[in-house]
């Protein structure tokens, strides 16, 4: 049992005190018992019964799991306070991405966002979706590559029942999307087969809502390559706006660094170097978060950044 858990245990005189504190903690943090139970490794029914004082199992074991969970959340809360709790940072690249999304939605057009990993595509897309109505983001995977599986994934996200034939699902999706002025964003679109892409294109044509395909270089290469098939020609001719993101920009790194209280030239140079490695801005963010933990209540220095990068497995 860690010192933090021991300290918490000493804070509560008995299980009733802990129950009362936990109920208030859940309410203050907007957490459900089910969520707390999952995070603490306690079944929902066991936690519910324990909270009522009616649990027939090992009550002490449940209480200890709750204490360990609370201590863990406290450590994480401390780690993200101050410099570490930043939320979405609107970098120059993020603004470019959101401009493409806004164009596609307002014009009911098809756009493509493509490029390397870690440059902020998915983060910007998710932020746009939270700030605008009728934006549906569907993240494709290798197991959703086919027509049927990708339509099922879309249907699940937009609230259309799935499980019937692909043509029926497609019709139901079109009925749900038409006249919404919405935007359908297909993230990780490189996983889709040609027929699946064509199926999504047909939904766009039928509903006249915005459509954005986002993914790696393969997405655009398959649409614009000199040997593309006739089936791709129809899709490629519909692309209204294209945004290629090959690497993170220095301005993006500077924006991130500034939000973490970092303004020094040496620190910024180190972070820009990290952004040029595989992982790009994603690696910078992970490094900054860990550097914040190392630095405590001050802005991370170059030493903290170097130590964080090494600790994450980066080159010295």
C-alpha atoms as a PDB file:
ATOM      1  CA  UNK A   1       0.000   0.000   0.000  1.00  0.00           C
ATOM      2  CA  UNK A   2       1.503   3.320  -1.077  1.00  0.00           C
ATOM      3  CA  UNK A   3       1.911   6.323   1.207  1.00  0.00           C
ATOM      4  CA  UNK A   4      -0.858   8.128  -0.652  1.00  0.00           C
ATOM      5  CA  UNK A   5      -3.287   5.243  -0.047  1.00  0.00           C
ATOM      6  CA  UNK A   6      -2.276   4.998   3.604  1.00  0.00           C
ATOM      7  CA  UNK A   7      -2.869   8.723   4.005  1.00  0.00           C
ATOM      8  CA  UNK A   8      -6.329   8.443   2.461  1.00  0.00           C
ATOM      9  CA  UNK A   9      -7.156   5.436   4.623  1.00  0.00           C
ATOM     10  CA  UNK A  10      -6.282   7.372   7.745  1.00  0.00           C
ATOM     11  CA  UNK A  11      -8.564  10.195   6.599  1.00  0.00           C
ATOM     12  CA  UNK A  12     -11.727   8.098   6.903  1.00  0.00           C
ATOM     13  CA  UNK A  13     -12.829   6.672  10.178  1.00  0.00           C
ATOM     14  CA  UNK A  14     -14.932   3.863   8.721  1.00  0.00           C
ATOM     15  CA  UNK A  15     -16.574   2.679   5.523  1.00  0.00           C
ATOM     16  CA  UNK A  16     -19.547   4.988   6.021  1.00  0.00           C
ATOM     17  CA  UNK A  17     -17.253   8.015   5.938  1.00  0.00           C
ATOM     18  CA  UNK A  18     -15.631   6.692   2.765  1.00  0.00           C
ATOM     19  CA  UNK A  19     -19.024   6.046   1.169  1.00  0.00           C
ATOM     20  CA  UNK A  20     -20.133   9.591   1.901  1.00  0.00           C
ATOM     21  CA  UNK A  21     -16.897  11.042   0.563  1.00  0.00           C
ATOM     22  CA  UNK A  22     -17.049   8.904  -2.587  1.00  0.00           C
ATOM     23  CA  UNK A  23     -20.646   9.947  -3.303  1.00  0.00           C
ATOM     24  CA  UNK A  24     -19.614  13.610  -3.097  1.00  0.00           C
ATOM     25  CA  UNK A  25     -16.481  12.983  -5.158  1.00  0.00           C
ATOM     26  CA  UNK A  26     -18.466  11.344  -7.946  1.00  0.00           C
ATOM     27  CA  UNK A  27     -20.995  14.192  -7.972  1.00  0.00           C
ATOM     28  CA  UNK A  28     -18.317  16.911  -7.984  1.00  0.00           C
ATOM     29  CA  UNK A  29     -16.448  15.286 -10.875  1.00  0.00           C
ATOM     30  CA  UNK A  30     -19.462  14.271 -12.932  1.00  0.00           C
ATOM     31  CA  UNK A  31     -18.645  10.568 -12.656  1.00  0.00           C
ATOM     32  CA  UNK A  32     -21.088   7.685 -12.523  1.00  0.00           C
ATOM     33  CA  UNK A  33     -20.741   4.698 -10.232  1.00  0.00           C
ATOM     34  CA  UNK A  34     -20.353   2.536 -13.312  1.00  0.00           C
ATOM     35  CA  UNK A  35     -17.405   4.622 -14.568  1.00  0.00           C
ATOM     36  CA  UNK A  36     -15.773   4.650 -11.126  1.00  0.00           C
ATOM     37  CA  UNK A  37     -16.213   0.904 -10.782  1.00  0.00           C
ATOM     38  CA  UNK A  38     -14.604   0.220 -14.162  1.00  0.00           C
ATOM     39  CA  UNK A  39     -11.631   2.443 -13.359  1.00  0.00           C
ATOM     40  CA  UNK A  40     -11.229   0.931  -9.902  1.00  0.00           C
ATOM     41  CA  UNK A  41     -11.595  -2.682 -11.035  1.00  0.00           C
ATOM     42  CA  UNK A  42     -14.878  -3.249  -9.178  1.00  0.00           C
ATOM     43  CA  UNK A  43     -18.010  -4.622 -10.803  1.00  0.00           C
ATOM     44  CA  UNK A  44     -20.899  -2.199 -11.069  1.00  0.00           C
ATOM     45  CA  UNK A  45     -23.196  -4.353  -8.964  1.00  0.00           C
ATOM     46  CA  UNK A  46     -20.568  -4.817  -6.240  1.00  0.00           C
ATOM     47  CA  UNK A  47     -19.902  -1.085  -5.996  1.00  0.00           C
ATOM     48  CA  UNK A  48     -23.624  -0.318  -5.965  1.00  0.00           C
ATOM     49  CA  UNK A  49     -24.227  -2.770  -3.137  1.00  0.00           C
ATOM     50  CA  UNK A  50     -21.176  -1.515  -1.236  1.00  0.00           C
ATOM     51  CA  UNK A  51     -22.398   2.082  -1.495  1.00  0.00           C
ATOM     52  CA  UNK A  52     -25.701   0.985   0.040  1.00  0.00           C
ATOM     53  CA  UNK A  53     -23.929  -0.904   2.810  1.00  0.00           C
ATOM     54  CA  UNK A  54     -25.422  -4.171   1.614  1.00  0.00           C
ATOM     55  CA  UNK A  55     -22.418  -5.845  -0.034  1.00  0.00           C
ATOM     56  CA  UNK A  56     -22.077  -9.464   1.096  1.00  0.00           C
ATOM     57  CA  UNK A  57     -18.498  -9.922  -0.089  1.00  0.00           C
ATOM     58  CA  UNK A  58     -15.172  -8.595   1.218  1.00  0.00           C
ATOM     59  CA  UNK A  59     -16.052  -4.991   2.091  1.00  0.00           C
ATOM     60  CA  UNK A  60     -12.482  -4.182   3.105  1.00  0.00           C
ATOM     61  CA  UNK A  61     -11.165  -5.282  -0.305  1.00  0.00           C
ATOM     62  CA  UNK A  62     -13.674  -3.020  -2.078  1.00  0.00           C
ATOM     63  CA  UNK A  63     -12.741  -0.103   0.183  1.00  0.00           C
ATOM     64  CA  UNK A  64      -9.044  -0.609  -0.542  1.00  0.00           C
ATOM     65  CA  UNK A  65      -9.657  -0.640  -4.312  1.00  0.00           C
ATOM     66  CA  UNK A  66     -11.579   2.610  -3.961  1.00  0.00           C
ATOM     67  CA  UNK A  67      -8.734   4.181  -1.975  1.00  0.00           C
ATOM     68  CA  UNK A  68      -6.163   3.073  -4.552  1.00  0.00           C
ATOM     69  CA  UNK A  69      -8.336   4.488  -7.342  1.00  0.00           C
ATOM     70  CA  UNK A  70      -8.813   7.804  -5.550  1.00  0.00           C
ATOM     71  CA  UNK A  71      -5.083   8.122  -4.869  1.00  0.00           C
ATOM     72  CA  UNK A  72      -4.322   7.369  -8.514  1.00  0.00           C
ATOM     73  CA  UNK A  73      -6.787  10.000  -9.753  1.00  0.00           C
ATOM     74  CA  UNK A  74      -5.294  12.523  -7.353  1.00  0.00           C
ATOM     75  CA  UNK A  75      -1.814  11.925  -8.749  1.00  0.00           C
ATOM     76  CA  UNK A  76      -3.067  12.343 -12.301  1.00  0.00           C
ATOM     77  CA  UNK A  77      -5.003  15.469 -11.347  1.00  0.00           C
ATOM     78  CA  UNK A  78      -1.891  17.055  -9.878  1.00  0.00           C
ATOM     79  CA  UNK A  79       0.079  16.123 -13.008  1.00  0.00           C
ATOM     80  CA  UNK A  80      -2.293  17.954 -15.358  1.00  0.00           C
ATOM     81  CA  UNK A  81      -2.812  21.068 -13.260  1.00  0.00           C
ATOM     82  CA  UNK A  82      -1.156  24.328 -14.152  1.00  0.00           C
ATOM     83  CA  UNK A  83       0.972  24.043 -17.274  1.00  0.00           C
ATOM     84  CA  UNK A  84      -0.160  20.510 -18.021  1.00  0.00           C
ATOM     85  CA  UNK A  85      -3.888  21.130 -18.485  1.00  0.00           C
ATOM     86  CA  UNK A  86      -4.116  22.763 -21.869  1.00  0.00           C
ATOM     87  CA  UNK A  87      -6.991  21.266 -23.817  1.00  0.00           C
ATOM     88  CA  UNK A  88      -7.210  22.025 -27.514  1.00  0.00           C
ATOM     89  CA  UNK A  89      -4.519  24.364 -28.857  1.00  0.00           C
ATOM     90  CA  UNK A  90      -5.411  26.053 -32.124  1.00  0.00           C
ATOM     91  CA  UNK A  91      -2.172  25.863 -34.063  1.00  0.00           C
ATOM     92  CA  UNK A  92      -1.716  27.257 -37.558  1.00  0.00           C
ATOM     93  CA  UNK A  93      -2.098  23.749 -38.983  1.00  0.00           C
ATOM     94  CA  UNK A  94      -5.247  23.106 -36.944  1.00  0.00           C
ATOM     95  CA  UNK A  95      -6.745  26.287 -38.382  1.00  0.00           C
ATOM     96  CA  UNK A  96      -5.984  25.111 -41.932  1.00  0.00           C
ATOM     97  CA  UNK A  97      -7.674  21.785 -41.215  1.00  0.00           C
ATOM     98  CA  UNK A  98     -10.757  23.427 -39.723  1.00  0.00           C
ATOM     99  CA  UNK A  99     -10.987  25.790 -42.689  1.00  0.00           C
ATOM    100  CA  UNK A 100     -11.194  22.780 -45.005  1.00  0.00           C
ATOM    101  CA  UNK A 101     -13.878  21.214 -42.810  1.00  0.00           C
ATOM    102  CA  UNK A 102     -15.870  24.454 -42.720  1.00  0.00           C
ATOM    103  CA  UNK A 103     -15.652  24.785 -46.509  1.00  0.00           C
ATOM    104  CA  UNK A 104     -16.809  21.227 -47.094  1.00  0.00           C
ATOM    105  CA  UNK A 105     -19.757  21.617 -44.714  1.00  0.00           C
ATOM    106  CA  UNK A 106     -20.910  25.028 -45.925  1.00  0.00           C
ATOM    107  CA  UNK A 107     -20.505  24.169 -49.621  1.00  0.00           C
ATOM    108  CA  UNK A 108     -21.722  20.578 -49.373  1.00  0.00           C
ATOM    109  CA  UNK A 109     -18.495  19.651 -51.118  1.00  0.00           C
ATOM    110  CA  UNK A 110     -15.949  16.842 -51.038  1.00  0.00           C
ATOM    111  CA  UNK A 111     -12.507  17.608 -49.609  1.00  0.00           C
ATOM    112  CA  UNK A 112      -9.401  15.601 -48.808  1.00  0.00           C
ATOM    113  CA  UNK A 113      -6.956  16.091 -45.913  1.00  0.00           C
ATOM    114  CA  UNK A 114      -3.898  13.900 -46.127  1.00  0.00           C
ATOM    115  CA  UNK A 115      -0.324  13.602 -44.919  1.00  0.00           C
ATOM    116  CA  UNK A 116       1.969  12.240 -42.259  1.00  0.00           C
ATOM    117  CA  UNK A 117       1.002  10.924 -38.852  1.00  0.00           C
ATOM    118  CA  UNK A 118       1.078  13.119 -35.784  1.00  0.00           C
ATOM    119  CA  UNK A 119       0.511  16.500 -37.453  1.00  0.00           C
ATOM    120  CA  UNK A 120      -2.818  17.081 -35.697  1.00  0.00           C
ATOM    121  CA  UNK A 121      -5.437  15.989 -38.239  1.00  0.00           C
ATOM    122  CA  UNK A 122      -7.594  13.949 -35.885  1.00  0.00           C
ATOM    123  CA  UNK A 123      -7.338  16.418 -32.992  1.00  0.00           C
ATOM    124  CA  UNK A 124      -8.486  19.332 -35.149  1.00  0.00           C
ATOM    125  CA  UNK A 125     -11.287  17.252 -36.684  1.00  0.00           C
ATOM    126  CA  UNK A 126     -12.630  16.265 -33.283  1.00  0.00           C
ATOM    127  CA  UNK A 127     -12.493  19.843 -32.064  1.00  0.00           C
ATOM    128  CA  UNK A 128     -14.407  21.056 -35.119  1.00  0.00           C
ATOM    129  CA  UNK A 129     -17.018  18.364 -34.517  1.00  0.00           C
ATOM    130  CA  UNK A 130     -17.630  19.547 -30.944  1.00  0.00           C
ATOM    131  CA  UNK A 131     -18.101  23.159 -32.062  1.00  0.00           C
ATOM    132  CA  UNK A 132     -20.422  22.585 -35.031  1.00  0.00           C
ATOM    133  CA  UNK A 133     -23.801  20.873 -35.425  1.00  0.00           C
ATOM    134  CA  UNK A 134     -24.387  17.786 -37.543  1.00  0.00           C
ATOM    135  CA  UNK A 135     -20.746  16.776 -37.867  1.00  0.00           C
ATOM    136  CA  UNK A 136     -20.198  13.026 -37.794  1.00  0.00           C
ATOM    137  CA  UNK A 137     -16.665  11.653 -37.497  1.00  0.00           C
ATOM    138  CA  UNK A 138     -16.191   8.012 -38.432  1.00  0.00           C
ATOM    139  CA  UNK A 139     -12.779   6.472 -37.833  1.00  0.00           C
ATOM    140  CA  UNK A 140     -12.088   3.564 -40.145  1.00  0.00           C
ATOM    141  CA  UNK A 141      -9.985   0.530 -39.306  1.00  0.00           C
ATOM    142  CA  UNK A 142      -8.666  -2.468 -41.231  1.00  0.00           C
ATOM    143  CA  UNK A 143     -11.763  -4.404 -40.178  1.00  0.00           C
ATOM    144  CA  UNK A 144     -14.117  -1.743 -41.605  1.00  0.00           C
ATOM    145  CA  UNK A 145     -12.562  -1.742 -45.082  1.00  0.00           C
ATOM    146  CA  UNK A 146     -15.419  -3.379 -46.973  1.00  0.00           C
ATOM    147  CA  UNK A 147     -18.657  -1.767 -48.161  1.00  0.00           C
ATOM    148  CA  UNK A 148     -20.861  -3.541 -45.615  1.00  0.00           C
ATOM    149  CA  UNK A 149     -18.608  -2.948 -42.622  1.00  0.00           C
ATOM    150  CA  UNK A 150     -17.900   0.708 -43.404  1.00  0.00           C
ATOM    151  CA  UNK A 151     -21.617   1.410 -43.887  1.00  0.00           C
ATOM    152  CA  UNK A 152     -22.313  -0.312 -40.582  1.00  0.00           C
ATOM    153  CA  UNK A 153     -19.728   1.921 -38.905  1.00  0.00           C
ATOM    154  CA  UNK A 154     -21.271   5.061 -40.408  1.00  0.00           C
ATOM    155  CA  UNK A 155     -24.760   3.948 -39.456  1.00  0.00           C
ATOM    156  CA  UNK A 156     -23.719   3.315 -35.886  1.00  0.00           C
ATOM    157  CA  UNK A 157     -22.235   6.808 -35.509  1.00  0.00           C
ATOM    158  CA  UNK A 158     -25.160   8.708 -37.064  1.00  0.00           C
ATOM    159  CA  UNK A 159     -27.827   6.643 -35.314  1.00  0.00           C
ATOM    160  CA  UNK A 160     -29.088   4.410 -38.092  1.00  0.00           C
ATOM    161  CA  UNK A 161     -29.877   0.785 -37.346  1.00  0.00           C
ATOM    162  CA  UNK A 162     -27.512  -1.687 -38.946  1.00  0.00           C
ATOM    163  CA  UNK A 163     -27.476  -5.400 -39.605  1.00  0.00           C
ATOM    164  CA  UNK A 164     -29.560  -5.507 -42.779  1.00  0.00           C
ATOM    165  CA  UNK A 165     -28.300  -5.592 -46.369  1.00  0.00           C
ATOM    166  CA  UNK A 166     -25.768  -2.957 -47.461  1.00  0.00           C
ATOM    167  CA  UNK A 167     -28.144  -1.301 -49.935  1.00  0.00           C
ATOM    168  CA  UNK A 168     -30.826  -0.939 -47.248  1.00  0.00           C
ATOM    169  CA  UNK A 169     -28.317   0.524 -44.790  1.00  0.00           C
ATOM    170  CA  UNK A 170     -27.112   2.966 -47.441  1.00  0.00           C
ATOM    171  CA  UNK A 171     -30.682   4.148 -48.104  1.00  0.00           C
ATOM    172  CA  UNK A 172     -31.331   4.602 -44.388  1.00  0.00           C
ATOM    173  CA  UNK A 173     -28.092   6.565 -44.027  1.00  0.00           C
ATOM    174  CA  UNK A 174     -29.102   8.847 -46.892  1.00  0.00           C
ATOM    175  CA  UNK A 175     -32.514   9.491 -45.334  1.00  0.00           C
ATOM    176  CA  UNK A 176     -30.841  10.384 -42.060  1.00  0.00           C
ATOM    177  CA  UNK A 177     -28.315  12.769 -43.620  1.00  0.00           C
ATOM    178  CA  UNK A 178     -30.324  14.576 -46.275  1.00  0.00           C
ATOM    179  CA  UNK A 179     -31.355  18.160 -45.541  1.00  0.00           C
ATOM    180  CA  UNK A 180     -29.130  18.333 -42.446  1.00  0.00           C
ATOM    181  CA  UNK A 181     -26.475  20.642 -43.884  1.00  0.00           C
ATOM    182  CA  UNK A 182     -24.086  18.312 -42.135  1.00  0.00           C
ATOM    183  CA  UNK A 183     -20.575  17.047 -42.617  1.00  0.00           C
ATOM    184  CA  UNK A 184     -19.421  13.435 -42.806  1.00  0.00           C
ATOM    185  CA  UNK A 185     -15.737  13.044 -41.937  1.00  0.00           C
ATOM    186  CA  UNK A 186     -14.089   9.729 -42.741  1.00  0.00           C
ATOM    187  CA  UNK A 187     -10.876   9.579 -40.723  1.00  0.00           C
ATOM    188  CA  UNK A 188      -8.180   6.977 -41.426  1.00  0.00           C
ATOM    189  CA  UNK A 189      -9.747   6.652 -44.886  1.00  0.00           C
ATOM    190  CA  UNK A 190      -6.692   4.803 -46.222  1.00  0.00           C
ATOM    191  CA  UNK A 191      -8.145   1.618 -44.751  1.00  0.00           C
ATOM    192  CA  UNK A 192     -11.117   1.645 -47.148  1.00  0.00           C
ATOM    193  CA  UNK A 193     -11.376  -0.440 -50.277  1.00  0.00           C
ATOM    194  CA  UNK A 194     -12.240   1.155 -53.639  1.00  0.00           C
ATOM    195  CA  UNK A 195     -15.873  -0.041 -53.537  1.00  0.00           C
ATOM    196  CA  UNK A 196     -16.245   1.301 -49.975  1.00  0.00           C
ATOM    197  CA  UNK A 197     -14.982   4.741 -51.014  1.00  0.00           C
ATOM    198  CA  UNK A 198     -17.358   4.703 -53.977  1.00  0.00           C
ATOM    199  CA  UNK A 199     -20.224   3.765 -51.683  1.00  0.00           C
ATOM    200  CA  UNK A 200     -19.496   6.738 -49.421  1.00  0.00           C
ATOM    201  CA  UNK A 201     -19.161   8.986 -52.473  1.00  0.00           C
ATOM    202  CA  UNK A 202     -22.629   7.912 -53.591  1.00  0.00           C
ATOM    203  CA  UNK A 203     -24.032   8.907 -50.179  1.00  0.00           C
ATOM    204  CA  UNK A 204     -22.416  12.329 -50.599  1.00  0.00           C
ATOM    205  CA  UNK A 205     -23.943  12.671 -54.071  1.00  0.00           C
ATOM    206  CA  UNK A 206     -27.396  11.646 -52.899  1.00  0.00           C
ATOM    207  CA  UNK A 207     -27.535  13.836 -49.792  1.00  0.00           C
ATOM    208  CA  UNK A 208     -25.391  16.809 -50.885  1.00  0.00           C
ATOM    209  CA  UNK A 209     -23.854  17.046 -47.445  1.00  0.00           C
ATOM    210  CA  UNK A 210     -20.170  17.798 -46.950  1.00  0.00           C
ATOM    211  CA  UNK A 211     -17.727  14.912 -47.105  1.00  0.00           C
ATOM    212  CA  UNK A 212     -14.087  14.924 -45.982  1.00  0.00           C
ATOM    213  CA  UNK A 213     -11.714  12.012 -46.451  1.00  0.00           C
ATOM    214  CA  UNK A 214      -8.771  12.230 -44.050  1.00  0.00           C
ATOM    215  CA  UNK A 215      -5.782   9.950 -43.773  1.00  0.00           C
ATOM    216  CA  UNK A 216      -2.219   9.340 -44.819  1.00  0.00           C
ATOM    217  CA  UNK A 217      -0.615   9.927 -48.221  1.00  0.00           C
ATOM    218  CA  UNK A 218      -2.284   6.788 -49.587  1.00  0.00           C
ATOM    219  CA  UNK A 219      -5.682   8.474 -49.552  1.00  0.00           C
ATOM    220  CA  UNK A 220      -4.762  11.099 -52.103  1.00  0.00           C
ATOM    221  CA  UNK A 221      -2.325   8.924 -54.051  1.00  0.00           C
ATOM    222  CA  UNK A 222      -5.087   6.448 -54.790  1.00  0.00           C
ATOM    223  CA  UNK A 223      -7.345   9.219 -56.059  1.00  0.00           C
ATOM    224  CA  UNK A 224      -4.836  11.187 -58.104  1.00  0.00           C
ATOM    225  CA  UNK A 225      -2.255   8.686 -59.302  1.00  0.00           C
ATOM    226  CA  UNK A 226      -1.542   8.576 -63.036  1.00  0.00           C
ATOM    227  CA  UNK A 227      -2.697   4.965 -63.218  1.00  0.00           C
ATOM    228  CA  UNK A 228      -5.980   5.504 -61.366  1.00  0.00           C
ATOM    229  CA  UNK A 229      -8.936   3.581 -62.702  1.00  0.00           C
ATOM    230  CA  UNK A 230     -12.009   5.084 -64.296  1.00  0.00           C
ATOM    231  CA  UNK A 231     -13.919   4.487 -61.081  1.00  0.00           C
ATOM    232  CA  UNK A 232     -11.562   6.868 -59.271  1.00  0.00           C
ATOM    233  CA  UNK A 233     -11.848   9.503 -61.991  1.00  0.00           C
ATOM    234  CA  UNK A 234     -15.458  10.186 -61.021  1.00  0.00           C
ATOM    235  CA  UNK A 235     -14.508  10.612 -57.378  1.00  0.00           C
ATOM    236  CA  UNK A 236     -11.382  12.663 -58.066  1.00  0.00           C
ATOM    237  CA  UNK A 237     -13.320  15.099 -60.243  1.00  0.00           C
ATOM    238  CA  UNK A 238     -15.535  15.894 -57.248  1.00  0.00           C
ATOM    239  CA  UNK A 239     -12.715  16.903 -54.873  1.00  0.00           C
ATOM    240  CA  UNK A 240     -13.211  20.587 -54.206  1.00  0.00           C
ATOM    241  CA  UNK A 241     -10.413  21.275 -51.727  1.00  0.00           C
ATOM    242  CA  UNK A 242      -7.196  19.445 -50.922  1.00  0.00           C
ATOM    243  CA  UNK A 243      -4.898  19.932 -47.937  1.00  0.00           C
ATOM    244  CA  UNK A 244      -1.577  18.138 -47.762  1.00  0.00           C
ATOM    245  CA  UNK A 245       0.254  18.113 -44.428  1.00  0.00           C
ATOM    246  CA  UNK A 246       3.715  16.628 -44.811  1.00  0.00           C
ATOM    247  CA  UNK A 247       5.245  17.732 -41.502  1.00  0.00           C
ATOM    248  CA  UNK A 248       4.561  19.845 -38.459  1.00  0.00           C
ATOM    249  CA  UNK A 249       5.309  23.548 -38.748  1.00  0.00           C
ATOM    250  CA  UNK A 250       7.617  25.535 -36.467  1.00  0.00           C
ATOM    251  CA  UNK A 251       4.682  27.821 -35.697  1.00  0.00           C
ATOM    252  CA  UNK A 252       2.711  24.829 -34.414  1.00  0.00           C
ATOM    253  CA  UNK A 253       5.516  23.840 -32.052  1.00  0.00           C
ATOM    254  CA  UNK A 254       5.847  27.444 -30.846  1.00  0.00           C
ATOM    255  CA  UNK A 255       2.097  27.584 -30.094  1.00  0.00           C
ATOM    256  CA  UNK A 256       2.270  24.379 -28.064  1.00  0.00           C
ATOM    257  CA  UNK A 257       5.391  25.499 -26.208  1.00  0.00           C
ATOM    258  CA  UNK A 258       3.881  28.875 -25.374  1.00  0.00           C
ATOM    259  CA  UNK A 259       0.791  27.298 -23.828  1.00  0.00           C
ATOM    260  CA  UNK A 260       3.079  25.269 -21.584  1.00  0.00           C
ATOM    261  CA  UNK A 261       4.922  28.388 -20.482  1.00  0.00           C
ATOM    262  CA  UNK A 262       7.964  27.729 -22.639  1.00  0.00           C
ATOM    263  CA  UNK A 263       9.415  30.712 -24.487  1.00  0.00           C
ATOM    264  CA  UNK A 264      13.186  30.107 -24.410  1.00  0.00           C
ATOM    265  CA  UNK A 265      15.046  29.647 -27.673  1.00  0.00           C
ATOM    266  CA  UNK A 266      16.947  26.540 -26.543  1.00  0.00           C
ATOM    267  CA  UNK A 267      13.797  24.815 -25.352  1.00  0.00           C
ATOM    268  CA  UNK A 268      11.921  25.687 -28.515  1.00  0.00           C
ATOM    269  CA  UNK A 269      14.786  24.448 -30.681  1.00  0.00           C
ATOM    270  CA  UNK A 270      14.771  21.127 -28.830  1.00  0.00           C
ATOM    271  CA  UNK A 271      11.021  20.739 -29.307  1.00  0.00           C
ATOM    272  CA  UNK A 272      11.236  21.577 -33.009  1.00  0.00           C
ATOM    273  CA  UNK A 273      13.868  18.848 -33.327  1.00  0.00           C
ATOM    274  CA  UNK A 274      11.491  16.376 -31.689  1.00  0.00           C
ATOM    275  CA  UNK A 275       8.708  17.437 -34.056  1.00  0.00           C
ATOM    276  CA  UNK A 276      10.865  16.433 -37.023  1.00  0.00           C
ATOM    277  CA  UNK A 277      11.080  12.865 -35.785  1.00  0.00           C
ATOM    278  CA  UNK A 278       8.456  10.129 -36.296  1.00  0.00           C
ATOM    279  CA  UNK A 279       5.394  11.096 -34.296  1.00  0.00           C
ATOM    280  CA  UNK A 280       5.698  14.815 -35.135  1.00  0.00           C
ATOM    281  CA  UNK A 281       3.483  16.993 -32.905  1.00  0.00           C
ATOM    282  CA  UNK A 282       2.158  13.940 -31.109  1.00  0.00           C
ATOM    283  CA  UNK A 283       5.687  13.311 -29.846  1.00  0.00           C
ATOM    284  CA  UNK A 284       6.022  16.946 -28.808  1.00  0.00           C
ATOM    285  CA  UNK A 285       2.792  16.840 -26.793  1.00  0.00           C
ATOM    286  CA  UNK A 286       3.749  13.599 -25.049  1.00  0.00           C
ATOM    287  CA  UNK A 287       7.154  15.052 -24.230  1.00  0.00           C
ATOM    288  CA  UNK A 288       5.657  18.276 -22.867  1.00  0.00           C
ATOM    289  CA  UNK A 289       3.192  16.428 -20.664  1.00  0.00           C
ATOM    290  CA  UNK A 290       5.928  14.357 -19.107  1.00  0.00           C
ATOM    291  CA  UNK A 291       8.230  17.366 -18.820  1.00  0.00           C
ATOM    292  CA  UNK A 292       5.490  19.137 -16.845  1.00  0.00           C
ATOM    293  CA  UNK A 293       5.437  16.271 -14.364  1.00  0.00           C
ATOM    294  CA  UNK A 294       9.218  16.458 -14.011  1.00  0.00           C
ATOM    295  CA  UNK A 295       9.173  20.249 -13.591  1.00  0.00           C
ATOM    296  CA  UNK A 296       6.513  20.429 -10.904  1.00  0.00           C
ATOM    297  CA  UNK A 297       5.065  23.938 -10.489  1.00  0.00           C
ATOM    298  CA  UNK A 298       7.490  25.749 -12.817  1.00  0.00           C
ATOM    299  CA  UNK A 299       7.659  25.940 -16.584  1.00  0.00           C
ATOM    300  CA  UNK A 300       9.674  23.032 -18.035  1.00  0.00           C
ATOM    301  CA  UNK A 301      13.282  23.820 -18.866  1.00  0.00           C
ATOM    302  CA  UNK A 302      15.456  22.263 -21.549  1.00  0.00           C
ATOM    303  CA  UNK A 303      16.713  19.753 -18.977  1.00  0.00           C
ATOM    304  CA  UNK A 304      13.150  18.670 -18.193  1.00  0.00           C
ATOM    305  CA  UNK A 305      12.339  18.374 -21.911  1.00  0.00           C
ATOM    306  CA  UNK A 306      15.459  16.314 -22.627  1.00  0.00           C
ATOM    307  CA  UNK A 307      14.768  14.053 -19.650  1.00  0.00           C
ATOM    308  CA  UNK A 308      11.147  13.541 -20.745  1.00  0.00           C
ATOM    309  CA  UNK A 309      12.178  12.735 -24.327  1.00  0.00           C
ATOM    310  CA  UNK A 310      14.730  10.189 -23.119  1.00  0.00           C
ATOM    311  CA  UNK A 311      12.230   8.672 -20.714  1.00  0.00           C
ATOM    312  CA  UNK A 312       9.778   8.200 -23.581  1.00  0.00           C
ATOM    313  CA  UNK A 313      12.408   6.242 -25.482  1.00  0.00           C
ATOM    314  CA  UNK A 314      13.646   9.028 -27.706  1.00  0.00           C
ATOM    315  CA  UNK A 315      17.265   9.464 -28.667  1.00  0.00           C
ATOM    316  CA  UNK A 316      19.425  11.392 -26.246  1.00  0.00           C
END
